[in-house]
Amino acid sequence: MCTPTPGETTAEMPLPRTVIARSRHPLYFLTPAAVATAVLLAALSALLAFGLIGISVAKEFEPYHGYIWVPRLLVVVSAILIAAVLGCFLRRRLFQG
C-alpha cells in the first residue's frame, strides 16, 4: 500500500496501476480436443435420437416388431458411449492439474 508523501493527503495519492493481461487467444477453451469431443457428443446424440425414433416406429408398425432390437441396441450403445465420453471429459477438466 502506498503512503502519502509529506504534504499530500490520501485522497490526492495516485491510484496504483493494474495491468490487465489480455489473452492472445480469446477462445482459449476451444482446443482441438474439446472441439473433437463436442463433435463426437453431437454425433452420438444424433444416433441416440435416431434409435429412439426407430423404437417408436418399430412399435407402431406390426411388420417391424421383430426388428425392434436394432434401435434398442443403438440407444444402449450410444448412451453408454455418451456417458463414457462425458465422464472422461469432465474428469479431465475438473481434475486438471
Protein backbone atom coordinates (compact mmCIF):
# COMPACT_ATOMS: atom_id res chain seq x y z
CA MET A 1 0.00 0.00 0.00
CA CYS A 2 1.22 3.48 -0.83
CA THR A 3 1.94 6.01 1.84
CA PRO A 4 1.35 9.70 1.18
CA THR A 5 4.33 11.96 0.74
CA PRO A 6 4.65 14.88 3.15
CA GLY A 7 2.00 17.50 2.42
CA GLU A 8 -0.16 15.06 0.43
CA THR A 9 -3.40 13.54 1.67
CA THR A 10 -4.58 10.06 0.87
CA ALA A 11 -7.26 11.48 -1.45
CA GLU A 12 -4.56 13.07 -3.63
CA MET A 13 -2.50 9.89 -3.90
CA PRO A 14 -2.33 8.34 -7.33
CA LEU A 15 -4.13 5.05 -7.69
CA PRO A 16 -1.91 2.04 -8.19
CA ARG A 17 -1.90 0.92 -11.79
CA THR A 18 -3.10 -2.56 -12.55
CA VAL A 19 -2.01 -4.39 -15.61
CA ILE A 20 -4.73 -6.39 -17.30
CA ALA A 21 -3.19 -9.14 -19.33
CA ARG A 22 -5.27 -9.92 -22.37
CA SER A 23 -5.10 -13.36 -23.77
CA ARG A 24 -3.87 -13.67 -27.31
CA HIS A 25 -6.42 -16.43 -27.74
CA PRO A 26 -9.83 -15.14 -26.67
CA LEU A 27 -11.40 -18.58 -27.11
CA TYR A 28 -8.71 -20.42 -25.17
CA PHE A 29 -11.10 -23.20 -24.12
CA LEU A 30 -11.75 -24.24 -27.75
CA THR A 31 -8.83 -26.60 -28.02
CA PRO A 32 -8.84 -29.20 -30.79
CA ALA A 33 -9.55 -31.91 -28.22
CA ALA A 34 -12.58 -30.01 -26.86
CA VAL A 35 -13.93 -29.42 -30.36
CA ALA A 36 -13.46 -33.09 -31.26
CA THR A 37 -15.25 -34.12 -28.07
CA ALA A 38 -18.14 -31.78 -28.85
CA VAL A 39 -18.44 -33.18 -32.38
CA LEU A 40 -18.34 -36.73 -31.05
CA LEU A 41 -21.02 -35.98 -28.46
CA ALA A 42 -23.22 -34.34 -31.12
CA ALA A 43 -22.90 -37.40 -33.37
CA LEU A 44 -23.67 -39.77 -30.50
CA SER A 45 -26.68 -37.67 -29.50
CA ALA A 46 -27.97 -37.81 -33.07
CA LEU A 47 -27.52 -41.59 -33.02
CA LEU A 48 -29.42 -41.78 -29.73
CA ALA A 49 -32.30 -39.73 -31.18
CA PHE A 50 -32.31 -41.91 -34.31
CA GLY A 51 -32.56 -45.02 -32.14
CA LEU A 52 -35.43 -43.56 -30.09
CA ILE A 53 -37.31 -42.69 -33.27
CA GLY A 54 -36.63 -46.20 -34.57
CA ILE A 55 -38.09 -47.73 -31.42
CA SER A 56 -41.28 -45.71 -31.78
CA VAL A 57 -41.62 -46.66 -35.46
CA ALA A 58 -40.95 -50.34 -34.76
CA LYS A 59 -43.63 -50.36 -32.05
CA GLU A 60 -46.12 -48.65 -34.34
CA PHE A 61 -45.90 -50.98 -37.34
CA GLU A 62 -46.62 -54.69 -36.94
CA PRO A 63 -44.09 -56.00 -39.53
CA TYR A 64 -41.20 -54.28 -37.69
CA HIS A 65 -41.83 -55.82 -34.24
CA GLY A 66 -39.18 -58.47 -34.87
CA TYR A 67 -36.53 -55.85 -35.57
CA ILE A 68 -37.01 -53.66 -32.51
CA TRP A 69 -33.72 -54.98 -31.12
CA VAL A 70 -31.74 -52.92 -33.64
CA PRO A 71 -32.85 -49.45 -32.46
CA ARG A 72 -32.70 -50.64 -28.84
CA LEU A 73 -29.09 -51.66 -29.41
CA LEU A 74 -28.37 -48.24 -30.96
CA VAL A 75 -29.86 -46.48 -27.94
CA VAL A 76 -27.97 -48.59 -25.42
CA VAL A 77 -24.60 -48.33 -27.17
CA SER A 78 -24.88 -44.59 -27.82
CA ALA A 79 -26.00 -43.92 -24.23
CA ILE A 80 -23.04 -45.90 -22.86
CA LEU A 81 -20.61 -44.07 -25.15
CA ILE A 82 -22.07 -40.66 -24.25
CA ALA A 83 -21.68 -41.44 -20.55
CA ALA A 84 -18.09 -42.65 -21.05
CA VAL A 85 -17.03 -39.66 -23.16
CA LEU A 86 -18.67 -37.17 -20.78
CA GLY A 87 -17.06 -38.89 -17.80
CA CYS A 88 -13.59 -38.69 -19.32
CA PHE A 89 -14.08 -35.11 -20.47
CA LEU A 90 -15.37 -33.88 -17.11
CA ARG A 91 -12.71 -35.78 -15.19
CA ARG A 92 -10.01 -34.20 -17.36
CA ARG A 93 -11.49 -30.70 -16.98
CA LEU A 94 -12.29 -30.85 -13.25
CA PHE A 95 -9.13 -32.53 -12.05
CA GLN A 96 -6.72 -30.80 -14.38
CA GLY A 97 -3.59 -30.27 -12.71
